[in-house]
Amino acid sequence: NGPTFDGRIKPDITGPGNLIYSAKAHTEHASQVTCEVVAKAGTSMATPVVAGNAALILQYFEDPKFWKSFCNPVYSYCQRGNFSLSGVLLKALVLQSGQAMTAYHSSNNKIIGLSTPPDTYQGYGRVNLLNILPVTNYEQSDLQLFLEENRLSPLSERRYYVNFHSVSTS
């Protein structure tokens, strides 16, 4: 857990790392070929889950169908039909997907409630692509894409204020 010595919040994001099923490895010279799986836990399982989610984000941004459904063609990015994400923008999207987790106090084995990210226990929360991408169907999603790739000078910020309203489907 964080924070780091220079005050940054760590971890950045969390992923499920308990009872994750993976292919069971055998020794290099084993003659047995199986389709067995084994449950594992820890950062060795959470890290590939988060990395896999990042790969899915990349796939969305490289899919022309995604752009046709969600991007206004008046913008040059949208006219190309795909977009190569920078590492910084990819990380920002992963962090934006974070969902608050229930906090657990290990000293007395008690659930202490929903924690508000970002914090030093969960970073920006558990990665959840439903928070940022239409993972079920492009045509049926209420998400709208706003994309502006600008570079900021060090120690500067840019703020966006977005007004939205709920649309009733009934």
N, C-alpha and C. Protein backbone atom coordinates (compact mmCIF):
# COMPACT_ATOMS: atom_id res chain seq x y z
N ASN A 1 0.82 -1.19 0.00
CA ASN A 1 0.00 0.00 0.00
C ASN A 1 0.86 1.25 0.00
N GLY A 2 0.27 2.34 -0.39
CA GLY A 2 0.93 3.62 -0.44
C GLY A 2 0.67 4.40 0.83
N PRO A 3 0.91 5.64 0.87
CA PRO A 3 1.44 6.41 -0.25
C PRO A 3 2.94 6.18 -0.43
N THR A 4 3.45 6.66 -1.55
CA THR A 4 4.89 6.56 -1.79
C THR A 4 5.60 7.62 -0.97
N PHE A 5 6.91 7.59 -0.96
CA PHE A 5 7.68 8.55 -0.19
C PHE A 5 7.45 9.98 -0.67
N ASP A 6 7.14 10.13 -1.98
CA ASP A 6 6.89 11.49 -2.49
C ASP A 6 5.40 11.85 -2.49
N GLY A 7 4.56 11.04 -1.83
CA GLY A 7 3.16 11.40 -1.63
C GLY A 7 2.17 10.89 -2.66
N ARG A 8 2.66 10.20 -3.70
CA ARG A 8 1.73 9.68 -4.70
C ARG A 8 0.91 8.52 -4.13
N ILE A 9 -0.32 8.39 -4.63
CA ILE A 9 -1.20 7.30 -4.20
C ILE A 9 -0.78 6.02 -4.91
N LYS A 10 -0.61 4.97 -4.17
CA LYS A 10 -0.34 3.64 -4.72
C LYS A 10 -1.16 2.65 -3.93
N PRO A 11 -1.73 1.67 -4.48
CA PRO A 11 -1.68 1.29 -5.89
C PRO A 11 -2.46 2.28 -6.75
N ASP A 12 -2.24 2.24 -8.07
CA ASP A 12 -2.99 3.09 -9.00
C ASP A 12 -4.41 2.57 -9.17
N ILE A 13 -4.53 1.30 -9.40
CA ILE A 13 -5.82 0.65 -9.67
C ILE A 13 -5.71 -0.77 -9.12
N THR A 14 -6.82 -1.40 -8.84
CA THR A 14 -6.77 -2.77 -8.35
C THR A 14 -7.54 -3.68 -9.30
N GLY A 15 -7.28 -4.95 -9.18
CA GLY A 15 -7.97 -5.96 -9.98
C GLY A 15 -8.23 -7.16 -9.10
N PRO A 16 -9.18 -7.98 -9.50
CA PRO A 16 -9.45 -9.18 -8.71
C PRO A 16 -8.22 -10.08 -8.67
N GLY A 17 -7.86 -10.54 -7.49
CA GLY A 17 -6.67 -11.36 -7.37
C GLY A 17 -6.87 -12.56 -6.48
N ASN A 18 -8.11 -12.93 -6.21
CA ASN A 18 -8.37 -14.07 -5.34
C ASN A 18 -9.24 -15.07 -6.08
N LEU A 19 -8.85 -16.33 -6.03
CA LEU A 19 -9.58 -17.40 -6.72
C LEU A 19 -9.73 -17.13 -8.21
N ILE A 20 -8.64 -16.76 -8.85
CA ILE A 20 -8.61 -16.57 -10.29
C ILE A 20 -8.12 -17.88 -10.89
N TYR A 21 -8.89 -18.43 -11.81
CA TYR A 21 -8.54 -19.72 -12.41
C TYR A 21 -7.65 -19.51 -13.62
N SER A 22 -6.60 -20.29 -13.68
CA SER A 22 -5.62 -20.19 -14.74
C SER A 22 -5.23 -21.59 -15.19
N ALA A 23 -4.61 -21.68 -16.35
CA ALA A 23 -4.14 -22.97 -16.85
C ALA A 23 -3.10 -23.54 -15.91
N LYS A 24 -3.21 -24.82 -15.62
CA LYS A 24 -2.25 -25.47 -14.73
C LYS A 24 -1.01 -25.85 -15.54
N ALA A 25 0.12 -25.39 -15.06
CA ALA A 25 1.38 -25.66 -15.75
C ALA A 25 1.95 -26.99 -15.29
N HIS A 26 2.59 -27.66 -16.20
CA HIS A 26 3.32 -28.88 -15.88
C HIS A 26 4.79 -28.64 -16.16
N THR A 27 5.62 -29.54 -15.72
CA THR A 27 7.06 -29.38 -15.96
C THR A 27 7.34 -29.44 -17.45
N GLU A 28 8.46 -28.92 -17.84
CA GLU A 28 8.83 -28.84 -19.26
C GLU A 28 8.85 -30.20 -19.93
N HIS A 29 9.27 -31.22 -19.20
CA HIS A 29 9.43 -32.54 -19.80
C HIS A 29 8.26 -33.47 -19.51
N ALA A 30 7.16 -32.94 -19.02
CA ALA A 30 6.00 -33.79 -18.72
C ALA A 30 5.38 -34.29 -20.01
N SER A 31 5.04 -35.55 -20.05
CA SER A 31 4.41 -36.12 -21.24
C SER A 31 2.90 -35.96 -21.20
N GLN A 32 2.39 -35.57 -20.06
CA GLN A 32 0.96 -35.45 -19.87
C GLN A 32 0.45 -34.10 -20.43
N VAL A 33 -0.58 -34.15 -21.25
CA VAL A 33 -1.20 -32.95 -21.77
C VAL A 33 -2.62 -32.91 -21.21
N THR A 34 -2.94 -31.85 -20.51
CA THR A 34 -4.27 -31.76 -19.91
C THR A 34 -4.85 -30.36 -20.13
N CYS A 35 -6.08 -30.22 -19.81
CA CYS A 35 -6.76 -28.92 -19.84
C CYS A 35 -7.11 -28.50 -18.43
N GLU A 36 -6.29 -28.90 -17.47
CA GLU A 36 -6.57 -28.59 -16.07
C GLU A 36 -6.39 -27.10 -15.79
N VAL A 37 -7.17 -26.63 -14.82
CA VAL A 37 -7.01 -25.27 -14.32
C VAL A 37 -6.76 -25.34 -12.82
N VAL A 38 -6.22 -24.26 -12.30
CA VAL A 38 -5.94 -24.19 -10.88
C VAL A 38 -6.27 -22.79 -10.40
N ALA A 39 -6.81 -22.68 -9.18
CA ALA A 39 -7.13 -21.37 -8.60
C ALA A 39 -5.87 -20.79 -7.96
N LYS A 40 -5.59 -19.57 -8.28
CA LYS A 40 -4.43 -18.87 -7.72
C LYS A 40 -4.89 -17.54 -7.13
N ALA A 41 -4.00 -16.88 -6.40
CA ALA A 41 -4.35 -15.61 -5.79
C ALA A 41 -3.12 -14.71 -5.72
N GLY A 42 -3.35 -13.41 -5.59
CA GLY A 42 -2.27 -12.46 -5.40
C GLY A 42 -2.06 -11.56 -6.60
N THR A 43 -1.00 -10.76 -6.51
CA THR A 43 -0.71 -9.81 -7.59
C THR A 43 -0.36 -10.51 -8.88
N SER A 44 0.13 -11.74 -8.81
CA SER A 44 0.45 -12.48 -10.03
C SER A 44 -0.80 -12.81 -10.83
N MET A 45 -1.95 -12.76 -10.19
CA MET A 45 -3.21 -12.99 -10.90
C MET A 45 -3.92 -11.66 -11.20
N ALA A 46 -3.83 -10.69 -10.30
CA ALA A 46 -4.50 -9.41 -10.50
C ALA A 46 -3.86 -8.61 -11.64
N THR A 47 -2.56 -8.65 -11.74
CA THR A 47 -1.86 -7.88 -12.77
C THR A 47 -2.30 -8.26 -14.18
N PRO A 48 -2.36 -9.56 -14.54
CA PRO A 48 -2.81 -9.88 -15.90
C PRO A 48 -4.28 -9.54 -16.14
N VAL A 49 -5.11 -9.53 -15.10
CA VAL A 49 -6.51 -9.13 -15.27
C VAL A 49 -6.57 -7.66 -15.66
N VAL A 50 -5.82 -6.81 -14.98
CA VAL A 50 -5.81 -5.39 -15.30
C VAL A 50 -5.17 -5.16 -16.67
N ALA A 51 -4.09 -5.86 -16.98
CA ALA A 51 -3.45 -5.73 -18.29
C ALA A 51 -4.39 -6.18 -19.41
N GLY A 52 -5.15 -7.23 -19.18
CA GLY A 52 -6.12 -7.69 -20.17
C GLY A 52 -7.21 -6.65 -20.41
N ASN A 53 -7.64 -5.99 -19.34
CA ASN A 53 -8.63 -4.92 -19.48
C ASN A 53 -8.05 -3.76 -20.29
N ALA A 54 -6.79 -3.43 -20.06
CA ALA A 54 -6.13 -2.38 -20.83
C ALA A 54 -6.07 -2.77 -22.31
N ALA A 55 -5.80 -4.04 -22.59
CA ALA A 55 -5.77 -4.51 -23.98
C ALA A 55 -7.15 -4.38 -24.63
N LEU A 56 -8.21 -4.62 -23.88
CA LEU A 56 -9.56 -4.46 -24.42
C LEU A 56 -9.86 -2.99 -24.73
N ILE A 57 -9.37 -2.09 -23.90
CA ILE A 57 -9.54 -0.66 -24.19
C ILE A 57 -8.85 -0.32 -25.51
N LEU A 58 -7.62 -0.79 -25.68
CA LEU A 58 -6.90 -0.56 -26.94
C LEU A 58 -7.69 -1.09 -28.12
N GLN A 59 -8.26 -2.28 -27.98
CA GLN A 59 -9.03 -2.89 -29.06
C GLN A 59 -10.22 -2.02 -29.44
N TYR A 60 -10.91 -1.48 -28.47
CA TYR A 60 -12.05 -0.60 -28.76
C TYR A 60 -11.61 0.59 -29.60
N PHE A 61 -10.53 1.22 -29.20
CA PHE A 61 -10.10 2.42 -29.89
C PHE A 61 -9.53 2.15 -31.28
N GLU A 62 -9.20 0.91 -31.57
CA GLU A 62 -8.71 0.55 -32.90
C GLU A 62 -9.82 -0.01 -33.78
N ASP A 63 -11.04 -0.13 -33.26
CA ASP A 63 -12.16 -0.73 -33.99
C ASP A 63 -12.97 0.35 -34.71
N PRO A 64 -13.01 0.35 -36.05
CA PRO A 64 -13.77 1.37 -36.78
C PRO A 64 -15.26 1.40 -36.41
N LYS A 65 -15.85 0.27 -36.04
CA LYS A 65 -17.27 0.26 -35.66
C LYS A 65 -17.50 1.10 -34.39
N PHE A 66 -16.56 1.05 -33.49
CA PHE A 66 -16.65 1.86 -32.27
C PHE A 66 -16.71 3.33 -32.64
N TRP A 67 -15.81 3.76 -33.51
CA TRP A 67 -15.74 5.17 -33.89
C TRP A 67 -16.97 5.59 -34.65
N LYS A 68 -17.47 4.76 -35.53
CA LYS A 68 -18.66 5.10 -36.31
C LYS A 68 -19.86 5.31 -35.39
N SER A 69 -19.94 4.53 -34.32
CA SER A 69 -21.09 4.62 -33.42
C SER A 69 -20.98 5.75 -32.41
N PHE A 70 -19.78 6.14 -32.02
CA PHE A 70 -19.62 7.04 -30.88
C PHE A 70 -18.92 8.35 -31.14
N CYS A 71 -18.36 8.54 -32.28
CA CYS A 71 -17.55 9.73 -32.48
C CYS A 71 -18.17 10.62 -33.55
N ASN A 72 -18.21 11.93 -33.28
CA ASN A 72 -18.75 12.90 -34.21
C ASN A 72 -17.76 13.09 -35.36
N PRO A 73 -18.17 12.83 -36.61
CA PRO A 73 -17.23 12.89 -37.74
C PRO A 73 -16.68 14.28 -38.05
N VAL A 74 -17.13 15.32 -37.37
CA VAL A 74 -16.54 16.64 -37.61
C VAL A 74 -15.13 16.71 -37.05
N TYR A 75 -14.79 15.81 -36.14
CA TYR A 75 -13.45 15.79 -35.58
C TYR A 75 -12.54 14.90 -36.41
N SER A 76 -11.31 15.35 -36.63
CA SER A 76 -10.39 14.60 -37.49
C SER A 76 -10.10 13.21 -36.95
N TYR A 77 -10.05 13.05 -35.61
CA TYR A 77 -9.81 11.73 -35.05
C TYR A 77 -10.90 10.75 -35.49
N CYS A 78 -12.12 11.23 -35.56
CA CYS A 78 -13.25 10.37 -35.89
C CYS A 78 -13.26 10.00 -37.37
N GLN A 79 -12.76 10.87 -38.20
CA GLN A 79 -12.75 10.61 -39.64
C GLN A 79 -11.81 9.47 -39.99
N ARG A 80 -10.76 9.30 -39.21
CA ARG A 80 -9.78 8.23 -39.49
C ARG A 80 -10.36 6.85 -39.22
N GLY A 81 -11.30 6.75 -38.30
CA GLY A 81 -11.91 5.45 -38.00
C GLY A 81 -11.20 4.64 -36.96
N ASN A 82 -10.09 5.12 -36.45
CA ASN A 82 -9.42 4.47 -35.32
C ASN A 82 -8.47 5.47 -34.68
N PHE A 83 -7.93 5.09 -33.55
CA PHE A 83 -7.09 6.01 -32.80
C PHE A 83 -6.10 5.19 -32.00
N SER A 84 -4.83 5.54 -32.12
CA SER A 84 -3.80 4.86 -31.33
C SER A 84 -3.62 5.60 -30.01
N LEU A 85 -3.95 4.94 -28.93
CA LEU A 85 -3.85 5.56 -27.61
C LEU A 85 -2.40 5.66 -27.17
N SER A 86 -2.06 6.77 -26.56
CA SER A 86 -0.74 6.88 -25.93
C SER A 86 -0.80 6.09 -24.62
N GLY A 87 0.32 5.74 -24.08
CA GLY A 87 0.36 5.03 -22.81
C GLY A 87 -0.27 5.83 -21.68
N VAL A 88 -0.06 7.15 -21.71
CA VAL A 88 -0.61 8.02 -20.67
C VAL A 88 -2.13 8.04 -20.76
N LEU A 89 -2.69 8.15 -21.97
CA LEU A 89 -4.13 8.16 -22.13
C LEU A 89 -4.73 6.80 -21.77
N LEU A 90 -4.05 5.73 -22.12
CA LEU A 90 -4.53 4.40 -21.75
C LEU A 90 -4.59 4.25 -20.23
N LYS A 91 -3.54 4.69 -19.55
CA LYS A 91 -3.54 4.62 -18.09
C LYS A 91 -4.66 5.47 -17.50
N ALA A 92 -4.88 6.65 -18.06
CA ALA A 92 -5.97 7.51 -17.58
C ALA A 92 -7.32 6.83 -17.75
N LEU A 93 -7.53 6.13 -18.85
CA LEU A 93 -8.79 5.42 -19.06
C LEU A 93 -8.94 4.26 -18.08
N VAL A 94 -7.87 3.54 -17.84
CA VAL A 94 -7.92 2.44 -16.86
C VAL A 94 -8.28 3.00 -15.49
N LEU A 95 -7.64 4.10 -15.08
CA LEU A 95 -7.95 4.71 -13.79
C LEU A 95 -9.39 5.21 -13.74
N GLN A 96 -9.85 5.79 -14.84
CA GLN A 96 -11.22 6.30 -14.89
C GLN A 96 -12.25 5.18 -14.75
N SER A 97 -11.87 3.98 -15.12
CA SER A 97 -12.80 2.84 -15.01
C SER A 97 -12.97 2.37 -13.57
N GLY A 98 -12.13 2.85 -12.67
CA GLY A 98 -12.12 2.38 -11.29
C GLY A 98 -13.47 2.49 -10.60
N GLN A 99 -13.79 1.47 -9.85
CA GLN A 99 -15.03 1.41 -9.08
C GLN A 99 -14.68 1.19 -7.62
N ALA A 100 -15.31 1.95 -6.73
CA ALA A 100 -15.03 1.85 -5.30
C ALA A 100 -15.28 0.43 -4.80
N MET A 101 -14.44 0.01 -3.88
CA MET A 101 -14.57 -1.33 -3.30
C MET A 101 -14.94 -1.22 -1.83
N THR A 102 -15.46 -2.29 -1.29
CA THR A 102 -15.75 -2.36 0.12
C THR A 102 -14.45 -2.50 0.89
N ALA A 103 -14.28 -1.69 1.89
CA ALA A 103 -13.06 -1.74 2.70
C ALA A 103 -13.17 -2.84 3.74
N TYR A 104 -12.08 -3.52 3.98
CA TYR A 104 -12.04 -4.63 4.92
C TYR A 104 -10.92 -4.37 5.91
N HIS A 105 -11.22 -4.38 7.17
CA HIS A 105 -10.23 -4.13 8.21
C HIS A 105 -9.68 -5.47 8.67
N SER A 106 -8.42 -5.75 8.34
CA SER A 106 -7.86 -7.08 8.60
C SER A 106 -7.57 -7.35 10.07
N SER A 107 -7.38 -6.34 10.90
CA SER A 107 -7.02 -6.61 12.28
C SER A 107 -8.18 -7.20 13.08
N ASN A 108 -9.42 -6.87 12.71
CA ASN A 108 -10.55 -7.46 13.43
C ASN A 108 -11.52 -8.20 12.50
N ASN A 109 -11.06 -8.50 11.27
CA ASN A 109 -11.85 -9.25 10.30
C ASN A 109 -13.25 -8.68 10.11
N LYS A 110 -13.34 -7.39 9.93
CA LYS A 110 -14.61 -6.71 9.81
C LYS A 110 -14.69 -5.90 8.52
N ILE A 111 -15.84 -5.95 7.85
CA ILE A 111 -16.07 -5.08 6.71
C ILE A 111 -16.43 -3.71 7.25
N ILE A 112 -15.74 -2.67 6.81
CA ILE A 112 -15.97 -1.34 7.37
C ILE A 112 -16.71 -0.42 6.41
N GLY A 113 -17.19 -0.92 5.29
CA GLY A 113 -18.01 -0.12 4.39
C GLY A 113 -17.30 0.22 3.10
N LEU A 114 -18.01 0.98 2.28
CA LEU A 114 -17.51 1.38 0.98
C LEU A 114 -16.49 2.50 1.15
N SER A 115 -15.34 2.32 0.59
CA SER A 115 -14.29 3.32 0.65
C SER A 115 -14.42 4.25 -0.55
N THR A 116 -13.96 5.48 -0.43
CA THR A 116 -14.04 6.43 -1.53
C THR A 116 -12.67 6.58 -2.18
N PRO A 117 -12.55 6.10 -3.42
CA PRO A 117 -11.27 6.25 -4.10
C PRO A 117 -11.04 7.69 -4.56
N PRO A 118 -9.83 8.13 -4.80
CA PRO A 118 -8.62 7.32 -4.64
C PRO A 118 -8.15 7.32 -3.19
N ASP A 119 -7.61 6.18 -2.79
CA ASP A 119 -7.00 6.06 -1.48
C ASP A 119 -5.82 5.10 -1.56
N THR A 120 -5.12 4.94 -0.45
CA THR A 120 -3.90 4.14 -0.46
C THR A 120 -4.15 2.64 -0.35
N TYR A 121 -5.40 2.22 -0.29
CA TYR A 121 -5.72 0.79 -0.23
C TYR A 121 -6.15 0.25 -1.59
N GLN A 122 -6.86 1.06 -2.37
CA GLN A 122 -7.40 0.59 -3.64
C GLN A 122 -7.04 1.48 -4.82
N GLY A 123 -6.27 2.54 -4.61
CA GLY A 123 -5.99 3.46 -5.70
C GLY A 123 -7.30 4.08 -6.16
N TYR A 124 -7.55 4.01 -7.47
CA TYR A 124 -8.80 4.55 -8.02
C TYR A 124 -9.91 3.51 -8.04
N GLY A 125 -9.71 2.39 -7.39
CA GLY A 125 -10.74 1.37 -7.30
C GLY A 125 -10.41 0.13 -8.11
N ARG A 126 -11.40 -0.75 -8.23
CA ARG A 126 -11.26 -1.98 -9.01
C ARG A 126 -11.60 -1.68 -10.46
N VAL A 127 -10.75 -2.11 -11.37
CA VAL A 127 -10.97 -1.85 -12.79
C VAL A 127 -12.33 -2.45 -13.20
N ASN A 128 -13.12 -1.63 -13.90
CA ASN A 128 -14.45 -2.07 -14.36
C ASN A 128 -14.76 -1.35 -15.67
N LEU A 129 -14.62 -2.05 -16.79
CA LEU A 129 -14.79 -1.43 -18.10
C LEU A 129 -16.21 -0.96 -18.37
N LEU A 130 -17.18 -1.47 -17.63
CA LEU A 130 -18.55 -0.98 -17.80
C LEU A 130 -18.66 0.51 -17.49
N ASN A 131 -17.72 1.03 -16.72
CA ASN A 131 -17.74 2.45 -16.37
C ASN A 131 -17.27 3.36 -17.51
N ILE A 132 -16.58 2.80 -18.52
CA ILE A 132 -16.03 3.66 -19.56
C ILE A 132 -16.31 3.21 -20.99
N LEU A 133 -16.71 1.95 -21.19
CA LEU A 133 -16.91 1.45 -22.55
C LEU A 133 -18.25 0.74 -22.69
N PRO A 134 -18.82 0.77 -23.89
CA PRO A 134 -20.05 0.02 -24.14
C PRO A 134 -19.71 -1.45 -24.42
N VAL A 135 -19.45 -2.21 -23.38
CA VAL A 135 -18.94 -3.56 -23.56
C VAL A 135 -19.98 -4.56 -24.05
N THR A 136 -21.25 -4.20 -24.09
CA THR A 136 -22.25 -5.16 -24.55
C THR A 136 -22.59 -4.97 -26.02
N ASN A 137 -22.94 -3.75 -26.43
CA ASN A 137 -23.36 -3.55 -27.80
C ASN A 137 -23.20 -2.07 -28.16
N TYR A 138 -22.48 -1.80 -29.23
CA TYR A 138 -22.25 -0.42 -29.64
C TYR A 138 -23.57 0.33 -29.87
N GLU A 139 -24.49 -0.31 -30.56
CA GLU A 139 -25.72 0.36 -30.97
C GLU A 139 -26.66 0.64 -29.80
N GLN A 140 -26.55 -0.08 -28.69
CA GLN A 140 -27.48 0.08 -27.59
C GLN A 140 -26.90 0.84 -26.40
N SER A 141 -25.74 1.41 -26.54
CA SER A 141 -25.11 2.09 -25.42
C SER A 141 -25.52 3.56 -25.35
N ASP A 142 -25.59 4.08 -24.14
CA ASP A 142 -25.88 5.50 -23.93
C ASP A 142 -24.60 6.33 -23.85
N LEU A 143 -23.44 5.69 -23.97
CA LEU A 143 -22.19 6.42 -23.85
C LEU A 143 -21.95 7.31 -25.07
N GLN A 144 -21.34 8.46 -24.83
CA GLN A 144 -20.90 9.33 -25.91
C GLN A 144 -19.42 9.62 -25.68
N LEU A 145 -18.68 9.68 -26.75
CA LEU A 145 -17.23 9.84 -26.67
C LEU A 145 -16.84 11.30 -26.86
N PHE A 146 -16.02 11.78 -25.96
CA PHE A 146 -15.39 13.09 -26.12
C PHE A 146 -13.89 12.84 -26.06
N LEU A 147 -13.18 13.27 -27.07
CA LEU A 147 -11.75 13.00 -27.12
C LEU A 147 -11.01 14.27 -27.51
N GLU A 148 -10.06 14.64 -26.70
CA GLU A 148 -9.20 15.76 -27.03
C GLU A 148 -7.81 15.40 -26.53
N GLU A 149 -6.90 15.21 -27.44
CA GLU A 149 -5.54 14.83 -27.06
C GLU A 149 -4.66 16.06 -27.13
N ASN A 150 -4.44 16.68 -26.01
CA ASN A 150 -3.55 17.84 -25.90
C ASN A 150 -2.47 17.53 -24.89
N ARG A 151 -1.37 18.16 -25.07
CA ARG A 151 -0.28 18.00 -24.11
C ARG A 151 -0.31 19.19 -23.15
N LEU A 152 -0.07 18.89 -21.90
CA LEU A 152 -0.01 19.93 -20.88
C LEU A 152 1.43 20.10 -20.43
N SER A 153 1.75 21.30 -20.04
CA SER A 153 3.08 21.52 -19.49
C SER A 153 3.12 20.95 -18.07
N PRO A 154 4.30 20.65 -17.56
CA PRO A 154 4.39 20.08 -16.21
C PRO A 154 3.71 20.95 -15.16
N LEU A 155 3.07 20.30 -14.21
CA LEU A 155 2.39 20.94 -13.09
C LEU A 155 1.23 21.85 -13.52
N SER A 156 0.64 21.55 -14.68
CA SER A 156 -0.52 22.32 -15.13
C SER A 156 -1.72 21.38 -15.19
N GLU A 157 -2.90 21.95 -15.39
CA GLU A 157 -4.11 21.13 -15.46
C GLU A 157 -5.06 21.75 -16.46
N ARG A 158 -6.00 20.95 -16.92
CA ARG A 158 -7.08 21.39 -17.77
C ARG A 158 -8.35 20.78 -17.21
N ARG A 159 -9.36 21.58 -17.02
CA ARG A 159 -10.62 21.09 -16.46
C ARG A 159 -11.71 21.14 -17.51
N TYR A 160 -12.57 20.15 -17.46
CA TYR A 160 -13.73 20.09 -18.33
C TYR A 160 -14.96 19.98 -17.44
N TYR A 161 -15.97 20.72 -17.77
CA TYR A 161 -17.24 20.63 -17.06
C TYR A 161 -18.26 20.08 -18.05
N VAL A 162 -18.89 19.00 -17.67
CA VAL A 162 -19.83 18.33 -18.55
C VAL A 162 -21.20 18.30 -17.89
N ASN A 163 -22.20 18.78 -18.59
CA ASN A 163 -23.57 18.70 -18.11
C ASN A 163 -24.24 17.53 -18.83
N PHE A 164 -24.95 16.74 -18.07
CA PHE A 164 -25.68 15.62 -18.67
C PHE A 164 -26.99 15.44 -17.95
N HIS A 165 -27.88 14.74 -18.60
CA HIS A 165 -29.17 14.44 -18.00
C HIS A 165 -29.57 13.02 -18.37
N SER A 166 -30.42 12.46 -17.56
CA SER A 166 -30.89 11.10 -17.78
C SER A 166 -32.02 11.13 -18.79
N VAL A 167 -32.01 10.21 -19.72
CA VAL A 167 -33.06 10.10 -20.71
C VAL A 167 -33.89 8.88 -20.38
N SER A 168 -35.17 9.08 -20.21
CA SER A 168 -36.06 7.97 -19.89
C SER A 168 -36.31 7.13 -21.12
N THR A 169 -36.24 5.81 -20.98
CA THR A 169 -36.48 4.92 -22.11
C THR A 169 -37.88 4.35 -22.11
N SER A 170 -38.70 4.73 -21.14
CA SER A 170 -40.05 4.17 -21.09
C SER A 170 -41.07 5.09 -21.72
